[in-house]
Amino acid sequence: MKKLFLLFAVAGVMTFAACGGAEEKKAEGEDTTKKEEVKEEVKEEAPKADTTAADTTKKVEEKKEEKKEEKK
């Protein structure tokens, strides 16, 4: 049991050591932050009208009126 625990401990140490090796050393006094100017252009567009719902409603109302006229 002790050997198994030791094996997992060593594997964990190796995993953490392998993941942390990508860091590069910077010279003292060197600015490590990047400064960028960000320009945003905002284009305001009017929302498009939903005509399909209005058209469908008109067609349904027209059909109801036609049926009423046929019954008379």
N, C-alpha and C. Protein backbone atom coordinates (compact mmCIF):
# COMPACT_ATOMS: atom_id res chain seq x y z
N MET A 1 0.83 -1.19 0.00
CA MET A 1 0.00 0.00 0.00
C MET A 1 0.87 1.26 0.00
N LYS A 2 1.95 1.23 0.77
CA LYS A 2 2.85 2.37 0.83
C LYS A 2 3.51 2.60 -0.53
N LYS A 3 3.85 1.52 -1.21
CA LYS A 3 4.49 1.63 -2.52
C LYS A 3 3.52 2.22 -3.55
N LEU A 4 2.25 1.83 -3.46
CA LEU A 4 1.24 2.35 -4.37
C LEU A 4 1.02 3.86 -4.15
N PHE A 5 0.97 4.25 -2.88
CA PHE A 5 0.83 5.67 -2.55
C PHE A 5 2.03 6.46 -3.06
N LEU A 6 3.21 5.93 -2.87
CA LEU A 6 4.44 6.58 -3.32
C LEU A 6 4.45 6.70 -4.85
N LEU A 7 3.98 5.66 -5.54
CA LEU A 7 3.92 5.68 -6.99
C LEU A 7 3.01 6.80 -7.49
N PHE A 8 1.82 6.94 -6.88
CA PHE A 8 0.90 8.01 -7.27
C PHE A 8 1.45 9.39 -6.91
N ALA A 9 2.15 9.49 -5.80
CA ALA A 9 2.74 10.77 -5.41
C ALA A 9 3.80 11.20 -6.41
N VAL A 10 4.64 10.28 -6.82
CA VAL A 10 5.69 10.58 -7.80
C VAL A 10 5.07 10.93 -9.15
N ALA A 11 4.03 10.20 -9.53
CA ALA A 11 3.36 10.50 -10.80
C ALA A 11 2.73 11.89 -10.75
N GLY A 12 2.15 12.27 -9.63
CA GLY A 12 1.57 13.61 -9.49
C GLY A 12 2.62 14.70 -9.56
N VAL A 13 3.75 14.48 -8.91
CA VAL A 13 4.84 15.46 -8.95
C VAL A 13 5.35 15.63 -10.37
N MET A 14 5.50 14.54 -11.08
CA MET A 14 5.96 14.60 -12.47
C MET A 14 4.95 15.33 -13.36
N THR A 15 3.69 15.10 -13.11
CA THR A 15 2.65 15.77 -13.90
C THR A 15 2.70 17.28 -13.70
N PHE A 16 2.78 17.71 -12.44
CA PHE A 16 2.85 19.15 -12.16
C PHE A 16 4.14 19.76 -12.69
N ALA A 17 5.23 19.04 -12.62
CA ALA A 17 6.50 19.55 -13.11
C ALA A 17 6.47 19.68 -14.63
N ALA A 18 5.82 18.76 -15.31
CA ALA A 18 5.76 18.79 -16.77
C ALA A 18 4.88 19.93 -17.26
N CYS A 19 3.84 20.26 -16.52
CA CYS A 19 2.91 21.32 -16.96
C CYS A 19 3.46 22.72 -16.73
N GLY A 20 4.37 22.90 -15.81
CA GLY A 20 4.83 24.24 -15.45
C GLY A 20 6.10 24.67 -16.16
N GLY A 21 6.62 23.94 -17.11
CA GLY A 21 7.90 24.26 -17.72
C GLY A 21 7.85 25.21 -18.89
N ALA A 22 6.69 25.71 -19.29
CA ALA A 22 6.59 26.54 -20.48
C ALA A 22 6.85 28.02 -20.20
N GLU A 23 7.10 28.41 -18.99
CA GLU A 23 7.29 29.81 -18.65
C GLU A 23 8.69 30.28 -19.06
N GLU A 24 8.73 31.44 -19.74
CA GLU A 24 10.01 32.00 -20.14
C GLU A 24 10.42 33.06 -19.13
N LYS A 25 11.72 33.15 -18.88
CA LYS A 25 12.21 34.16 -17.94
C LYS A 25 12.38 35.47 -18.69
N LYS A 26 11.91 36.56 -18.07
CA LYS A 26 12.00 37.88 -18.66
C LYS A 26 13.16 38.64 -18.00
N ALA A 27 13.79 39.51 -18.77
CA ALA A 27 14.87 40.33 -18.24
C ALA A 27 14.29 41.35 -17.27
N GLU A 28 15.09 41.71 -16.27
CA GLU A 28 14.63 42.68 -15.28
C GLU A 28 14.39 44.03 -15.94
N GLY A 29 13.30 44.68 -15.58
CA GLY A 29 12.99 45.99 -16.12
C GLY A 29 12.23 45.93 -17.44
N GLU A 30 12.08 44.77 -18.00
CA GLU A 30 11.37 44.63 -19.27
C GLU A 30 9.87 44.64 -19.00
N ASP A 31 9.16 45.41 -19.77
CA ASP A 31 7.71 45.49 -19.61
C ASP A 31 7.07 44.28 -20.27
N THR A 32 6.35 43.51 -19.48
CA THR A 32 5.76 42.28 -20.00
C THR A 32 4.33 42.45 -20.46
N THR A 33 3.75 43.62 -20.23
CA THR A 33 2.35 43.82 -20.63
C THR A 33 2.31 44.40 -22.03
N LYS A 34 1.32 43.98 -22.76
CA LYS A 34 1.13 44.49 -24.11
C LYS A 34 0.09 45.59 -24.07
N LYS A 35 0.39 46.67 -24.77
CA LYS A 35 -0.55 47.78 -24.82
C LYS A 35 -1.08 47.88 -26.24
N GLU A 36 -2.41 47.81 -26.34
CA GLU A 36 -3.04 47.89 -27.65
C GLU A 36 -4.13 48.95 -27.62
N GLU A 37 -4.29 49.61 -28.73
CA GLU A 37 -5.39 50.54 -28.86
C GLU A 37 -6.56 49.79 -29.45
N VAL A 38 -7.69 49.94 -28.82
CA VAL A 38 -8.88 49.25 -29.28
C VAL A 38 -9.86 50.29 -29.78
N LYS A 39 -10.24 50.14 -31.03
CA LYS A 39 -11.22 51.03 -31.62
C LYS A 39 -12.44 50.21 -31.97
N GLU A 40 -13.57 50.66 -31.47
CA GLU A 40 -14.81 49.95 -31.75
C GLU A 40 -15.72 50.83 -32.58
N GLU A 41 -16.23 50.27 -33.62
CA GLU A 41 -17.20 50.96 -34.43
C GLU A 41 -18.55 50.31 -34.19
N VAL A 42 -19.50 51.12 -33.80
CA VAL A 42 -20.82 50.60 -33.51
C VAL A 42 -21.76 51.09 -34.60
N LYS A 43 -22.34 50.15 -35.30
CA LYS A 43 -23.31 50.49 -36.33
C LYS A 43 -24.68 50.11 -35.81
N GLU A 44 -25.52 51.11 -35.69
CA GLU A 44 -26.87 50.84 -35.20
C GLU A 44 -27.79 50.63 -36.39
N GLU A 45 -28.46 49.52 -36.36
CA GLU A 45 -29.41 49.22 -37.41
C GLU A 45 -30.78 49.07 -36.80
N ALA A 46 -31.76 49.53 -37.53
CA ALA A 46 -33.13 49.37 -37.05
C ALA A 46 -33.50 47.90 -37.15
N PRO A 47 -34.21 47.39 -36.15
CA PRO A 47 -34.61 45.98 -36.24
C PRO A 47 -35.58 45.77 -37.38
N LYS A 48 -35.45 44.65 -38.03
CA LYS A 48 -36.30 44.34 -39.17
C LYS A 48 -37.70 43.99 -38.67
N ALA A 49 -38.66 44.48 -39.39
CA ALA A 49 -40.05 44.24 -39.00
C ALA A 49 -40.41 42.79 -39.28
N ASP A 50 -41.18 42.20 -38.39
CA ASP A 50 -41.63 40.83 -38.56
C ASP A 50 -42.95 40.87 -39.33
N THR A 51 -42.85 40.77 -40.63
CA THR A 51 -44.05 40.89 -41.47
C THR A 51 -44.77 39.56 -41.63
N THR A 52 -44.10 38.46 -41.39
CA THR A 52 -44.75 37.17 -41.60
C THR A 52 -45.92 36.96 -40.65
N ALA A 53 -45.78 37.40 -39.41
CA ALA A 53 -46.87 37.25 -38.45
C ALA A 53 -48.05 38.12 -38.85
N ALA A 54 -47.76 39.34 -39.28
CA ALA A 54 -48.83 40.24 -39.69
C ALA A 54 -49.54 39.72 -40.95
N ASP A 55 -48.76 39.21 -41.90
CA ASP A 55 -49.34 38.67 -43.12
C ASP A 55 -50.21 37.45 -42.83
N THR A 56 -49.74 36.59 -41.96
CA THR A 56 -50.50 35.40 -41.61
C THR A 56 -51.81 35.77 -40.93
N THR A 57 -51.75 36.75 -40.04
CA THR A 57 -52.96 37.20 -39.34
C THR A 57 -53.97 37.76 -40.34
N LYS A 58 -53.51 38.54 -41.30
CA LYS A 58 -54.41 39.11 -42.31
C LYS A 58 -55.07 38.00 -43.12
N LYS A 59 -54.29 36.99 -43.51
CA LYS A 59 -54.83 35.90 -44.32
C LYS A 59 -55.88 35.12 -43.54
N VAL A 60 -55.63 34.87 -42.27
CA VAL A 60 -56.59 34.14 -41.45
C VAL A 60 -57.88 34.93 -41.31
N GLU A 61 -57.77 36.24 -41.08
CA GLU A 61 -58.96 37.08 -40.95
C GLU A 61 -59.74 37.13 -42.27
N GLU A 62 -59.04 37.21 -43.39
CA GLU A 62 -59.70 37.23 -44.69
C GLU A 62 -60.47 35.93 -44.94
N LYS A 63 -59.87 34.80 -44.57
CA LYS A 63 -60.54 33.51 -44.75
C LYS A 63 -61.76 33.41 -43.86
N LYS A 64 -61.70 33.94 -42.65
CA LYS A 64 -62.85 33.92 -41.75
C LYS A 64 -63.99 34.74 -42.34
N GLU A 65 -63.64 35.90 -42.90
CA GLU A 65 -64.66 36.77 -43.51
C GLU A 65 -65.29 36.09 -44.73
N GLU A 66 -64.45 35.42 -45.53
CA GLU A 66 -64.98 34.71 -46.70
C GLU A 66 -65.95 33.61 -46.30
N LYS A 67 -65.64 32.89 -45.23
CA LYS A 67 -66.51 31.83 -44.76
C LYS A 67 -67.82 32.40 -44.24
N LYS A 68 -67.75 33.55 -43.58
CA LYS A 68 -68.97 34.20 -43.08
C LYS A 68 -69.86 34.63 -44.23
N GLU A 69 -69.21 35.16 -45.29
CA GLU A 69 -69.98 35.61 -46.46
C GLU A 69 -70.61 34.43 -47.19
N GLU A 70 -69.91 33.30 -47.24
CA GLU A 70 -70.44 32.11 -47.92
C GLU A 70 -71.65 31.56 -47.17
N LYS A 71 -71.66 31.66 -45.87
CA LYS A 71 -72.75 31.14 -45.06
C LYS A 71 -74.00 32.00 -45.20
N LYS A 72 -73.86 33.26 -45.52
CA LYS A 72 -75.02 34.14 -45.63
C LYS A 72 -75.77 33.93 -46.87
